[in-house]
């Protein structure tokens, strides 16, 4: 199963066996080209559906051969940094966010994630402890108005450990107004004012992360 977000709306790609309890389903068994996916997505952006499931008997094949090629791809990477049982977040454009950004040419995903955290949060010496599942979201390129150019961004996430003493400095040139360390018990405040595509990442730490 795959999840993709557009603004606060969600697209799920799944096999028919996993959707018997879901009402809003679009069956894509006979899809024949990425162009058809692109046409469907345009209709979806103009609909009232908050979320939708795309049903296909071979979801992985559909994802790789039909859905992804329907969009321009921009790979990105970011990190969730932990120090003394607290998590580092940035406040950008009125929402709590995680430090992340595009992967530069020649960089690995891990290198890009470490660099973005250093640049956006003003810390150094942080280290990757494990790789986390990627998230996907679609947005309109700000550089192309006609025709509309839709971007599918995969963000590669990494958990990081930081043992330094710096509290951090927000990168104001990237519209970051503040950075803050949150205890696990405070993550509900973040979830109440963050992006939908980040909620699965943050919720994992609310439920499963133990410091015992």
Foldseek 3Di string as FASTA:
>chain_A
DAWEAEFQAIEAEDAPVPPPPPDAEDECQPPDALVVVLVVVVVVVVDPHRYHYYHYNDRVCCVVGHPQVNAAEFEKEAEFEDEPQWTKWWQAPNATHTQMDTDDPPDDRQRRHQVSCCQFWVDDDKDFDAWDDKFWYKDWDPVDVVPTHIYIYIYTYTYIYDHDDDPTDGNVVRRTDDMDIGHLVRCVVNVVGHTNRCVVVNVCCNPPDDPD
